[in-house]
Amino acid sequence: MALAYPEILYRGFESVDILLESRPLEKGLSADLLLQLVVVKIGATSLCRASGLVGGYYAPSLFIGAATGMSYGKNISSAVAQSNPMLQRSVLEVASPQAYGLEMFFFLYAF
């Protein structure tokens, strides 16, 4: 799994930083890839825990929350941008994908 999706490996909270696109030199991930990462991370976390490897649920849940929120935000932004090109973007302004990612990140952090 890690060979196909190296983003799922735990490298501190650097992975979450990359997901939230807070690093200017890092290329952002597409919404489809983010959803794939969510599924693969859930599977990898489940397999690791079931096999008895040391690990937790806290950091993976933050990664999953940030990836889910970013994917949702990117999908909403593209839907609004494609809805009607005649409308001003400010009329249909939605939050940035990072805002949705942070919302899910902190939602899971609270639990």
PDB file of N, CA and C in Angstrom:
ATOM      1  N   MET A   1       0.822  -1.196   0.000  1.00  0.00           N
ATOM      2  CA  MET A   1       0.000   0.000   0.000  1.00  0.00           C
ATOM      3  C   MET A   1       0.866   1.261   0.000  1.00  0.00           C
ATOM      4  N   ALA A   2       1.914   1.216   0.796  1.00  0.00           N
ATOM      5  CA  ALA A   2       2.768   2.403   0.934  1.00  0.00           C
ATOM      6  C   ALA A   2       3.571   2.684  -0.330  1.00  0.00           C
ATOM      7  N   LEU A   3       3.838   1.652  -1.127  1.00  0.00           N
ATOM      8  CA  LEU A   3       4.540   1.884  -2.383  1.00  0.00           C
ATOM      9  C   LEU A   3       3.653   2.618  -3.377  1.00  0.00           C
ATOM     10  N   ALA A   4       2.380   2.281  -3.393  1.00  0.00           N
ATOM     11  CA  ALA A   4       1.439   2.947  -4.309  1.00  0.00           C
ATOM     12  C   ALA A   4       1.016   4.318  -3.790  1.00  0.00           C
ATOM     13  N   TYR A   5       0.866   4.442  -2.472  1.00  0.00           N
ATOM     14  CA  TYR A   5       0.418   5.694  -1.844  1.00  0.00           C
ATOM     15  C   TYR A   5       1.373   6.058  -0.705  1.00  0.00           C
ATOM     16  N   PRO A   6       2.522   6.650  -1.010  1.00  0.00           N
ATOM     17  CA  PRO A   6       3.480   6.969   0.060  1.00  0.00           C
ATOM     18  C   PRO A   6       2.980   8.038   1.030  1.00  0.00           C
ATOM     19  N   GLU A   7       1.918   8.748   0.670  1.00  0.00           N
ATOM     20  CA  GLU A   7       1.382   9.783   1.551  1.00  0.00           C
ATOM     21  C   GLU A   7       0.796   9.211   2.831  1.00  0.00           C
ATOM     22  N   ILE A   8       0.439   7.913   2.836  1.00  0.00           N
ATOM     23  CA  ILE A   8      -0.194   7.344   4.027  1.00  0.00           C
ATOM     24  C   ILE A   8       0.796   7.041   5.138  1.00  0.00           C
ATOM     25  N   LEU A   9       2.085   7.054   4.812  1.00  0.00           N
ATOM     26  CA  LEU A   9       3.086   6.787   5.837  1.00  0.00           C
ATOM     27  C   LEU A   9       3.138   7.941   6.826  1.00  0.00           C
ATOM     28  N   TYR A  10       3.340   7.606   8.074  1.00  0.00           N
ATOM     29  CA  TYR A  10       3.379   8.628   9.117  1.00  0.00           C
ATOM     30  C   TYR A  10       4.750   9.274   9.162  1.00  0.00           C
ATOM     31  N   ARG A  11       4.791  10.568   8.910  1.00  0.00           N
ATOM     32  CA  ARG A  11       6.025  11.349   9.009  1.00  0.00           C
ATOM     33  C   ARG A  11       5.755  12.549   9.905  1.00  0.00           C
ATOM     34  N   GLY A  12       5.222  12.291  11.056  1.00  0.00           N
ATOM     35  CA  GLY A  12       4.811  13.390  11.916  1.00  0.00           C
ATOM     36  C   GLY A  12       3.564  14.028  11.330  1.00  0.00           C
ATOM     37  N   PHE A  13       3.375  15.274  11.604  1.00  0.00           N
ATOM     38  CA  PHE A  13       2.206  15.951  11.044  1.00  0.00           C
ATOM     39  C   PHE A  13       2.542  16.621   9.720  1.00  0.00           C
ATOM     40  N   GLU A  14       3.685  16.247   9.146  1.00  0.00           N
ATOM     41  CA  GLU A  14       4.064  16.747   7.824  1.00  0.00           C
ATOM     42  C   GLU A  14       3.046  16.296   6.775  1.00  0.00           C
ATOM     43  N   SER A  15       2.518  15.083   6.924  1.00  0.00           N
ATOM     44  CA  SER A  15       1.518  14.583   5.987  1.00  0.00           C
ATOM     45  C   SER A  15       0.261  15.447   6.007  1.00  0.00           C
ATOM     46  N   VAL A  16      -0.167  15.830   7.193  1.00  0.00           N
ATOM     47  CA  VAL A  16      -1.356  16.681   7.309  1.00  0.00           C
ATOM     48  C   VAL A  16      -1.071  18.065   6.746  1.00  0.00           C
ATOM     49  N   ASP A  17       0.152  18.578   6.952  1.00  0.00           N
ATOM     50  CA  ASP A  17       0.535  19.862   6.349  1.00  0.00           C
ATOM     51  C   ASP A  17       0.448  19.803   4.834  1.00  0.00           C
ATOM     52  N   ILE A  18       0.929  18.720   4.255  1.00  0.00           N
ATOM     53  CA  ILE A  18       0.873  18.576   2.805  1.00  0.00           C
ATOM     54  C   ILE A  18      -0.565  18.475   2.338  1.00  0.00           C
ATOM     55  N   LEU A  19      -1.393  17.745   3.085  1.00  0.00           N
ATOM     56  CA  LEU A  19      -2.812  17.634   2.717  1.00  0.00           C
ATOM     57  C   LEU A  19      -3.502  18.986   2.733  1.00  0.00           C
ATOM     58  N   LEU A  20      -3.196  19.776   3.729  1.00  0.00           N
ATOM     59  CA  LEU A  20      -3.848  21.082   3.854  1.00  0.00           C
ATOM     60  C   LEU A  20      -3.188  22.137   2.984  1.00  0.00           C
ATOM     61  N   GLU A  21      -2.197  21.735   2.194  1.00  0.00           N
ATOM     62  CA  GLU A  21      -1.521  22.612   1.242  1.00  0.00           C
ATOM     63  C   GLU A  21      -0.962  23.867   1.901  1.00  0.00           C
ATOM     64  N   SER A  22      -0.439  23.692   3.104  1.00  0.00           N
ATOM     65  CA  SER A  22       0.102  24.845   3.809  1.00  0.00           C
ATOM     66  C   SER A  22       1.560  25.104   3.443  1.00  0.00           C
ATOM     67  N   ARG A  23       2.131  24.256   2.619  1.00  0.00           N
ATOM     68  CA  ARG A  23       3.507  24.452   2.172  1.00  0.00           C
ATOM     69  C   ARG A  23       3.477  24.967   0.741  1.00  0.00           C
ATOM     70  N   PRO A  24       4.030  26.138   0.499  1.00  0.00           N
ATOM     71  CA  PRO A  24       3.901  26.746  -0.823  1.00  0.00           C
ATOM     72  C   PRO A  24       4.606  25.990  -1.944  1.00  0.00           C
ATOM     73  N   LEU A  25       5.635  25.218  -1.656  1.00  0.00           N
ATOM     74  CA  LEU A  25       6.368  24.525  -2.702  1.00  0.00           C
ATOM     75  C   LEU A  25       5.811  23.143  -3.007  1.00  0.00           C
ATOM     76  N   GLU A  26       4.883  22.658  -2.194  1.00  0.00           N
ATOM     77  CA  GLU A  26       4.290  21.348  -2.418  1.00  0.00           C
ATOM     78  C   GLU A  26       3.100  21.472  -3.361  1.00  0.00           C
ATOM     79  N   LYS A  27       3.000  20.516  -4.272  1.00  0.00           N
ATOM     80  CA  LYS A  27       1.863  20.499  -5.193  1.00  0.00           C
ATOM     81  C   LYS A  27       0.654  19.924  -4.472  1.00  0.00           C
ATOM     82  N   GLY A  28      -0.494  20.536  -4.647  1.00  0.00           N
ATOM     83  CA  GLY A  28      -1.709  20.050  -4.014  1.00  0.00           C
ATOM     84  C   GLY A  28      -2.191  18.754  -4.636  1.00  0.00           C
ATOM     85  N   LEU A  29      -2.902  17.969  -3.878  1.00  0.00           N
ATOM     86  CA  LEU A  29      -3.430  16.690  -4.343  1.00  0.00           C
ATOM     87  C   LEU A  29      -4.836  16.885  -4.888  1.00  0.00           C
ATOM     88  N   SER A  30      -5.213  16.087  -5.868  1.00  0.00           N
ATOM     89  CA  SER A  30      -6.548  16.188  -6.451  1.00  0.00           C
ATOM     90  C   SER A  30      -7.577  15.597  -5.495  1.00  0.00           C
ATOM     91  N   ALA A  31      -8.843  15.934  -5.723  1.00  0.00           N
ATOM     92  CA  ALA A  31      -9.921  15.448  -4.866  1.00  0.00           C
ATOM     93  C   ALA A  31     -10.054  13.932  -4.973  1.00  0.00           C
ATOM     94  N   ASP A  32      -9.869  13.384  -6.162  1.00  0.00           N
ATOM     95  CA  ASP A  32      -9.953  11.931  -6.333  1.00  0.00           C
ATOM     96  C   ASP A  32      -8.851  11.216  -5.568  1.00  0.00           C
ATOM     97  N   LEU A  33      -7.645  11.744  -5.655  1.00  0.00           N
ATOM     98  CA  LEU A  33      -6.527  11.134  -4.933  1.00  0.00           C
ATOM     99  C   LEU A  33      -6.741  11.238  -3.425  1.00  0.00           C
ATOM    100  N   LEU A  34      -7.310  12.334  -2.968  1.00  0.00           N
ATOM    101  CA  LEU A  34      -7.578  12.474  -1.535  1.00  0.00           C
ATOM    102  C   LEU A  34      -8.571  11.423  -1.049  1.00  0.00           C
ATOM    103  N   LEU A  35      -9.604  11.156  -1.842  1.00  0.00           N
ATOM    104  CA  LEU A  35     -10.562  10.116  -1.456  1.00  0.00           C
ATOM    105  C   LEU A  35      -9.913   8.731  -1.466  1.00  0.00           C
ATOM    106  N   GLN A  36      -9.030   8.487  -2.424  1.00  0.00           N
ATOM    107  CA  GLN A  36      -8.304   7.224  -2.442  1.00  0.00           C
ATOM    108  C   GLN A  36      -7.423   7.089  -1.206  1.00  0.00           C
ATOM    109  N   LEU A  37      -6.789   8.183  -0.808  1.00  0.00           N
ATOM    110  CA  LEU A  37      -5.944   8.161   0.385  1.00  0.00           C
ATOM    111  C   LEU A  37      -6.751   7.860   1.638  1.00  0.00           C
ATOM    112  N   VAL A  38      -7.970   8.382   1.711  1.00  0.00           N
ATOM    113  CA  VAL A  38      -8.828   8.105   2.868  1.00  0.00           C
ATOM    114  C   VAL A  38      -9.098   6.610   2.970  1.00  0.00           C
ATOM    115  N   VAL A  39      -9.488   5.998   1.857  1.00  0.00           N
ATOM    116  CA  VAL A  39      -9.807   4.570   1.855  1.00  0.00           C
ATOM    117  C   VAL A  39      -8.564   3.736   2.181  1.00  0.00           C
ATOM    118  N   VAL A  40      -7.438   4.077   1.559  1.00  0.00           N
ATOM    119  CA  VAL A  40      -6.205   3.319   1.794  1.00  0.00           C
ATOM    120  C   VAL A  40      -5.718   3.502   3.228  1.00  0.00           C
ATOM    121  N   LYS A  41      -5.825   4.699   3.777  1.00  0.00           N
ATOM    122  CA  LYS A  41      -5.378   4.942   5.155  1.00  0.00           C
ATOM    123  C   LYS A  41      -6.241   4.168   6.152  1.00  0.00           C
ATOM    124  N   ILE A  42      -7.541   4.116   5.905  1.00  0.00           N
ATOM    125  CA  ILE A  42      -8.414   3.332   6.786  1.00  0.00           C
ATOM    126  C   ILE A  42      -8.034   1.856   6.721  1.00  0.00           C
ATOM    127  N   GLY A  43      -7.797   1.362   5.509  1.00  0.00           N
ATOM    128  CA  GLY A  43      -7.394  -0.039   5.358  1.00  0.00           C
ATOM    129  C   GLY A  43      -6.050  -0.325   5.995  1.00  0.00           C
ATOM    130  N   ALA A  44      -5.083   0.549   5.788  1.00  0.00           N
ATOM    131  CA  ALA A  44      -3.748   0.343   6.358  1.00  0.00           C
ATOM    132  C   ALA A  44      -3.786   0.394   7.880  1.00  0.00           C
ATOM    133  N   THR A  45      -4.534   1.332   8.430  1.00  0.00           N
ATOM    134  CA  THR A  45      -4.639   1.434   9.890  1.00  0.00           C
ATOM    135  C   THR A  45      -5.306   0.196  10.464  1.00  0.00           C
ATOM    136  N   SER A  46      -6.342  -0.279   9.805  1.00  0.00           N
ATOM    137  CA  SER A  46      -7.037  -1.485  10.272  1.00  0.00           C
ATOM    138  C   SER A  46      -6.135  -2.706  10.219  1.00  0.00           C
ATOM    139  N   LEU A  47      -5.408  -2.866   9.115  1.00  0.00           N
ATOM    140  CA  LEU A  47      -4.498  -4.010   8.996  1.00  0.00           C
ATOM    141  C   LEU A  47      -3.381  -3.954  10.029  1.00  0.00           C
ATOM    142  N   CYS A  48      -2.830  -2.778  10.255  1.00  0.00           N
ATOM    143  CA  CYS A  48      -1.745  -2.646  11.238  1.00  0.00           C
ATOM    144  C   CYS A  48      -2.237  -2.949  12.642  1.00  0.00           C
ATOM    145  N   ARG A  49      -3.384  -2.437  12.989  1.00  0.00           N
ATOM    146  CA  ARG A  49      -3.913  -2.695  14.331  1.00  0.00           C
ATOM    147  C   ARG A  49      -4.299  -4.155  14.512  1.00  0.00           C
ATOM    148  N   ALA A  50      -4.865  -4.766  13.465  1.00  0.00           N
ATOM    149  CA  ALA A  50      -5.285  -6.163  13.569  1.00  0.00           C
ATOM    150  C   ALA A  50      -4.092  -7.114  13.649  1.00  0.00           C
ATOM    151  N   SER A  51      -2.968  -6.732  13.055  1.00  0.00           N
ATOM    152  CA  SER A  51      -1.791  -7.605  13.075  1.00  0.00           C
ATOM    153  C   SER A  51      -0.973  -7.461  14.347  1.00  0.00           C
ATOM    154  N   GLY A  52      -1.322  -6.510  15.189  1.00  0.00           N
ATOM    155  CA  GLY A  52      -0.628  -6.340  16.456  1.00  0.00           C
ATOM    156  C   GLY A  52       0.508  -5.340  16.423  1.00  0.00           C
ATOM    157  N   LEU A  53       0.671  -4.626  15.340  1.00  0.00           N
ATOM    158  CA  LEU A  53       1.726  -3.611  15.285  1.00  0.00           C
ATOM    159  C   LEU A  53       1.410  -2.457  16.226  1.00  0.00           C
ATOM    160  N   VAL A  54       2.451  -1.808  16.674  1.00  0.00           N
ATOM    161  CA  VAL A  54       2.278  -0.663  17.553  1.00  0.00           C
ATOM    162  C   VAL A  54       1.752   0.503  16.727  1.00  0.00           C
ATOM    163  N   GLY A  55       0.791   1.177  17.242  1.00  0.00           N
ATOM    164  CA  GLY A  55       0.227   2.327  16.539  1.00  0.00           C
ATOM    165  C   GLY A  55      -1.043   2.751  17.233  1.00  0.00           C
ATOM    166  N   GLY A  56      -1.547   3.858  16.811  1.00  0.00           N
ATOM    167  CA  GLY A  56      -2.751   4.357  17.435  1.00  0.00           C
ATOM    168  C   GLY A  56      -3.787   4.723  16.415  1.00  0.00           C
ATOM    169  N   TYR A  57      -4.799   5.394  16.918  1.00  0.00           N
ATOM    170  CA  TYR A  57      -5.879   5.859  16.066  1.00  0.00           C
ATOM    171  C   TYR A  57      -5.886   7.372  15.941  1.00  0.00           C
ATOM    172  N   TYR A  58      -5.159   8.036  16.801  1.00  0.00           N
ATOM    173  CA  TYR A  58      -5.225   9.491  16.850  1.00  0.00           C
ATOM    174  C   TYR A  58      -4.679  10.145  15.585  1.00  0.00           C
ATOM    175  N   ALA A  59      -3.427   9.911  15.250  1.00  0.00           N
ATOM    176  CA  ALA A  59      -2.824  10.535  14.066  1.00  0.00           C
ATOM    177  C   ALA A  59      -3.501  10.082  12.776  1.00  0.00           C
ATOM    178  N   PRO A  60      -3.833   8.782  12.609  1.00  0.00           N
ATOM    179  CA  PRO A  60      -4.558   8.413  11.393  1.00  0.00           C
ATOM    180  C   PRO A  60      -5.920   9.085  11.271  1.00  0.00           C
ATOM    181  N   SER A  61      -6.602   9.282  12.391  1.00  0.00           N
ATOM    182  CA  SER A  61      -7.910   9.939  12.307  1.00  0.00           C
ATOM    183  C   SER A  61      -7.770  11.403  11.899  1.00  0.00           C
ATOM    184  N   LEU A  62      -6.703  12.057  12.321  1.00  0.00           N
ATOM    185  CA  LEU A  62      -6.476  13.436  11.891  1.00  0.00           C
ATOM    186  C   LEU A  62      -6.163  13.491  10.401  1.00  0.00           C
ATOM    187  N   PHE A  63      -5.363  12.541   9.923  1.00  0.00           N
ATOM    188  CA  PHE A  63      -5.045  12.458   8.503  1.00  0.00           C
ATOM    189  C   PHE A  63      -6.314  12.217   7.690  1.00  0.00           C
ATOM    190  N   ILE A  64      -7.142  11.280   8.139  1.00  0.00           N
ATOM    191  CA  ILE A  64      -8.378  10.958   7.434  1.00  0.00           C
ATOM    192  C   ILE A  64      -9.326  12.147   7.438  1.00  0.00           C
ATOM    193  N   GLY A  65      -9.423  12.844   8.555  1.00  0.00           N
ATOM    194  CA  GLY A  65     -10.286  14.018   8.630  1.00  0.00           C
ATOM    195  C   GLY A  65      -9.830  15.137   7.713  1.00  0.00           C
ATOM    196  N   ALA A  66      -8.533  15.397   7.698  1.00  0.00           N
ATOM    197  CA  ALA A  66      -8.003  16.455   6.832  1.00  0.00           C
ATOM    198  C   ALA A  66      -8.187  16.099   5.363  1.00  0.00           C
ATOM    199  N   ALA A  67      -7.954  14.842   4.991  1.00  0.00           N
ATOM    200  CA  ALA A  67      -8.112  14.424   3.597  1.00  0.00           C
ATOM    201  C   ALA A  67      -9.576  14.466   3.169  1.00  0.00           C
ATOM    202  N   THR A  68     -10.472  14.044   4.053  1.00  0.00           N
ATOM    203  CA  THR A  68     -11.903  14.077   3.729  1.00  0.00           C
ATOM    204  C   THR A  68     -12.387  15.515   3.552  1.00  0.00           C
ATOM    205  N   GLY A  69     -12.003  16.384   4.459  1.00  0.00           N
ATOM    206  CA  GLY A  69     -12.415  17.786   4.362  1.00  0.00           C
ATOM    207  C   GLY A  69     -11.853  18.476   3.133  1.00  0.00           C
ATOM    208  N   MET A  70     -10.589  18.220   2.813  1.00  0.00           N
ATOM    209  CA  MET A  70      -9.990  18.824   1.615  1.00  0.00           C
ATOM    210  C   MET A  70     -10.671  18.329   0.349  1.00  0.00           C
ATOM    211  N   SER A  71     -10.987  17.045   0.299  1.00  0.00           N
ATOM    212  CA  SER A  71     -11.668  16.496  -0.870  1.00  0.00           C
ATOM    213  C   SER A  71     -13.048  17.116  -1.030  1.00  0.00           C
ATOM    214  N   TYR A  72     -13.772  17.232   0.068  1.00  0.00           N
ATOM    215  CA  TYR A  72     -15.092  17.857   0.028  1.00  0.00           C
ATOM    216  C   TYR A  72     -14.988  19.309  -0.431  1.00  0.00           C
ATOM    217  N   GLY A  73     -14.044  20.041   0.121  1.00  0.00           N
ATOM    218  CA  GLY A  73     -13.871  21.440  -0.258  1.00  0.00           C
ATOM    219  C   GLY A  73     -13.505  21.607  -1.720  1.00  0.00           C
ATOM    220  N   LYS A  74     -12.634  20.743  -2.227  1.00  0.00           N
ATOM    221  CA  LYS A  74     -12.251  20.828  -3.639  1.00  0.00           C
ATOM    222  C   LYS A  74     -13.419  20.482  -4.548  1.00  0.00           C
ATOM    223  N   ASN A  75     -14.219  19.482  -4.167  1.00  0.00           N
ATOM    224  CA  ASN A  75     -15.386  19.131  -4.969  1.00  0.00           C
ATOM    225  C   ASN A  75     -16.417  20.252  -4.974  1.00  0.00           C
ATOM    226  N   ILE A  76     -16.652  20.877  -3.832  1.00  0.00           N
ATOM    227  CA  ILE A  76     -17.610  21.986  -3.753  1.00  0.00           C
ATOM    228  C   ILE A  76     -17.109  23.171  -4.572  1.00  0.00           C
ATOM    229  N   SER A  77     -15.828  23.490  -4.458  1.00  0.00           N
ATOM    230  CA  SER A  77     -15.271  24.619  -5.213  1.00  0.00           C
ATOM    231  C   SER A  77     -15.386  24.405  -6.714  1.00  0.00           C
ATOM    232  N   SER A  78     -15.105  23.184  -7.171  1.00  0.00           N
ATOM    233  CA  SER A  78     -15.202  22.929  -8.607  1.00  0.00           C
ATOM    234  C   SER A  78     -16.655  22.921  -9.066  1.00  0.00           C
ATOM    235  N   ALA A  79     -17.578  22.449  -8.223  1.00  0.00           N
ATOM    236  CA  ALA A  79     -18.994  22.468  -8.592  1.00  0.00           C
ATOM    237  C   ALA A  79     -19.511  23.888  -8.708  1.00  0.00           C
ATOM    238  N   VAL A  80     -19.100  24.756  -7.802  1.00  0.00           N
ATOM    239  CA  VAL A  80     -19.537  26.151  -7.853  1.00  0.00           C
ATOM    240  C   VAL A  80     -18.928  26.853  -9.055  1.00  0.00           C
ATOM    241  N   ALA A  81     -17.662  26.568  -9.343  1.00  0.00           N
ATOM    242  CA  ALA A  81     -16.993  27.211 -10.473  1.00  0.00           C
ATOM    243  C   ALA A  81     -17.605  26.784 -11.799  1.00  0.00           C
ATOM    244  N   GLN A  82     -18.117  25.562 -11.875  1.00  0.00           N
ATOM    245  CA  GLN A  82     -18.691  25.063 -13.121  1.00  0.00           C
ATOM    246  C   GLN A  82     -20.189  25.275 -13.220  1.00  0.00           C
ATOM    247  N   SER A  83     -20.840  25.727 -12.151  1.00  0.00           N
ATOM    248  CA  SER A  83     -22.299  25.822 -12.148  1.00  0.00           C
ATOM    249  C   SER A  83     -22.823  26.800 -13.185  1.00  0.00           C
ATOM    250  N   ASN A  84     -22.320  28.017 -13.184  1.00  0.00           N
ATOM    251  CA  ASN A  84     -22.778  29.008 -14.146  1.00  0.00           C
ATOM    252  C   ASN A  84     -21.671  30.028 -14.340  1.00  0.00           C
ATOM    253  N   PRO A  85     -21.025  30.014 -15.491  1.00  0.00           N
ATOM    254  CA  PRO A  85     -19.917  30.954 -15.700  1.00  0.00           C
ATOM    255  C   PRO A  85     -20.356  32.416 -15.782  1.00  0.00           C
ATOM    256  N   MET A  86     -21.653  32.668 -15.955  1.00  0.00           N
ATOM    257  CA  MET A  86     -22.144  34.039 -16.050  1.00  0.00           C
ATOM    258  C   MET A  86     -22.202  34.722 -14.683  1.00  0.00           C
ATOM    259  N   LEU A  87     -22.332  33.930 -13.621  1.00  0.00           N
ATOM    260  CA  LEU A  87     -22.414  34.500 -12.275  1.00  0.00           C
ATOM    261  C   LEU A  87     -21.028  34.884 -11.788  1.00  0.00           C
ATOM    262  N   GLN A  88     -20.986  35.945 -11.014  1.00  0.00           N
ATOM    263  CA  GLN A  88     -19.730  36.338 -10.382  1.00  0.00           C
ATOM    264  C   GLN A  88     -19.370  35.291  -9.337  1.00  0.00           C
ATOM    265  N   ARG A  89     -18.115  34.982  -9.246  1.00  0.00           N
ATOM    266  CA  ARG A  89     -17.682  33.993  -8.254  1.00  0.00           C
ATOM    267  C   ARG A  89     -17.962  34.477  -6.833  1.00  0.00           C
ATOM    268  N   SER A  90     -17.911  35.755  -6.605  1.00  0.00           N
ATOM    269  CA  SER A  90     -18.153  36.274  -5.257  1.00  0.00           C
ATOM    270  C   SER A  90     -19.590  36.048  -4.801  1.00  0.00           C
ATOM    271  N   VAL A  91     -20.521  35.910  -5.757  1.00  0.00           N
ATOM    272  CA  VAL A  91     -21.915  35.653  -5.396  1.00  0.00           C
ATOM    273  C   VAL A  91     -22.050  34.264  -4.789  1.00  0.00           C
ATOM    274  N   LEU A  92     -21.329  33.306  -5.340  1.00  0.00           N
ATOM    275  CA  LEU A  92     -21.413  31.924  -4.875  1.00  0.00           C
ATOM    276  C   LEU A  92     -20.175  31.514  -4.083  1.00  0.00           C
ATOM    277  N   GLU A  93     -19.567  32.449  -3.439  1.00  0.00           N
ATOM    278  CA  GLU A  93     -18.297  32.189  -2.757  1.00  0.00           C
ATOM    279  C   GLU A  93     -18.463  31.105  -1.692  1.00  0.00           C
ATOM    280  N   VAL A  94     -17.592  30.154  -1.741  1.00  0.00           N
ATOM    281  CA  VAL A  94     -17.517  29.116  -0.715  1.00  0.00           C
ATOM    282  C   VAL A  94     -16.160  29.229  -0.055  1.00  0.00           C
ATOM    283  N   ALA A  95     -16.029  28.560   1.055  1.00  0.00           N
ATOM    284  CA  ALA A  95     -14.744  28.590   1.760  1.00  0.00           C
ATOM    285  C   ALA A  95     -13.697  27.827   0.957  1.00  0.00           C
ATOM    286  N   SER A  96     -12.461  28.106   1.237  1.00  0.00           N
ATOM    287  CA  SER A  96     -11.377  27.401   0.554  1.00  0.00           C
ATOM    288  C   SER A  96     -11.360  25.942   1.010  1.00  0.00           C
ATOM    289  N   PRO A  97     -10.794  25.041   0.202  1.00  0.00           N
ATOM    290  CA  PRO A  97     -10.705  23.635   0.620  1.00  0.00           C
ATOM    291  C   PRO A  97      -9.960  23.456   1.942  1.00  0.00           C
ATOM    292  N   GLN A  98      -8.989  24.333   2.210  1.00  0.00           N
ATOM    293  CA  GLN A  98      -8.249  24.226   3.466  1.00  0.00           C
ATOM    294  C   GLN A  98      -9.166  24.428   4.670  1.00  0.00           C
ATOM    295  N   ALA A  99     -10.167  25.290   4.524  1.00  0.00           N
ATOM    296  CA  ALA A  99     -11.095  25.528   5.631  1.00  0.00           C
ATOM    297  C   ALA A  99     -11.896  24.266   5.947  1.00  0.00           C
ATOM    298  N   TYR A 100     -12.337  23.561   4.916  1.00  0.00           N
ATOM    299  CA  TYR A 100     -13.062  22.307   5.143  1.00  0.00           C
ATOM    300  C   TYR A 100     -12.137  21.250   5.742  1.00  0.00           C
ATOM    301  N   GLY A 101     -10.902  21.215   5.266  1.00  0.00           N
ATOM    302  CA  GLY A 101      -9.936  20.271   5.818  1.00  0.00           C
ATOM    303  C   GLY A 101      -9.664  20.530   7.285  1.00  0.00           C
ATOM    304  N   LEU A 102      -9.482  21.797   7.636  1.00  0.00           N
ATOM    305  CA  LEU A 102      -9.249  22.139   9.043  1.00  0.00           C
ATOM    306  C   LEU A 102     -10.476  21.857   9.896  1.00  0.00           C
ATOM    307  N   GLU A 103     -11.662  22.073   9.333  1.00  0.00           N
ATOM    308  CA  GLU A 103     -12.883  21.812  10.086  1.00  0.00           C
ATOM    309  C   GLU A 103     -12.978  20.332  10.455  1.00  0.00           C
ATOM    310  N   MET A 104     -12.745  19.458   9.485  1.00  0.00           N
ATOM    311  CA  MET A 104     -12.783  18.027   9.771  1.00  0.00           C
ATOM    312  C   MET A 104     -11.630  17.618  10.688  1.00  0.00           C
ATOM    313  N   PHE A 105     -10.466  18.238  10.500  1.00  0.00           N
ATOM    314  CA  PHE A 105      -9.306  17.962  11.346  1.00  0.00           C
ATOM    315  C   PHE A 105      -9.638  18.253  12.798  1.00  0.00           C
ATOM    316  N   PHE A 106     -10.196  19.427  13.070  1.00  0.00           N
ATOM    317  CA  PHE A 106     -10.500  19.791  14.444  1.00  0.00           C
ATOM    318  C   PHE A 106     -11.732  19.088  14.977  1.00  0.00           C
ATOM    319  N   PHE A 107     -12.663  18.721  14.089  1.00  0.00           N
ATOM    320  CA  PHE A 107     -13.821  17.950  14.519  1.00  0.00           C
ATOM    321  C   PHE A 107     -13.377  16.608  15.072  1.00  0.00           C
ATOM    322  N   LEU A 108     -12.474  15.934  14.359  1.00  0.00           N
ATOM    323  CA  LEU A 108     -11.980  14.651  14.848  1.00  0.00           C
ATOM    324  C   LEU A 108     -11.032  14.830  16.022  1.00  0.00           C
ATOM    325  N   TYR A 109     -10.337  15.953  16.094  1.00  0.00           N
ATOM    326  CA  TYR A 109      -9.452  16.231  17.217  1.00  0.00           C
ATOM    327  C   TYR A 109     -10.252  16.371  18.513  1.00  0.00           C
ATOM    328  N   ALA A 110     -11.459  16.916  18.412  1.00  0.00           N
ATOM    329  CA  ALA A 110     -12.285  17.122  19.601  1.00  0.00           C
ATOM    330  C   ALA A 110     -12.770  15.794  20.196  1.00  0.00           C
ATOM    331  N   PHE A 111     -12.884  14.785  19.346  1.00  0.00           N
ATOM    332  CA  PHE A 111     -13.357  13.498  19.841  1.00  0.00           C
ATOM    333  C   PHE A 111     -12.173  12.635  20.137  1.00  0.00           C
TER     334      PHE A 111
END
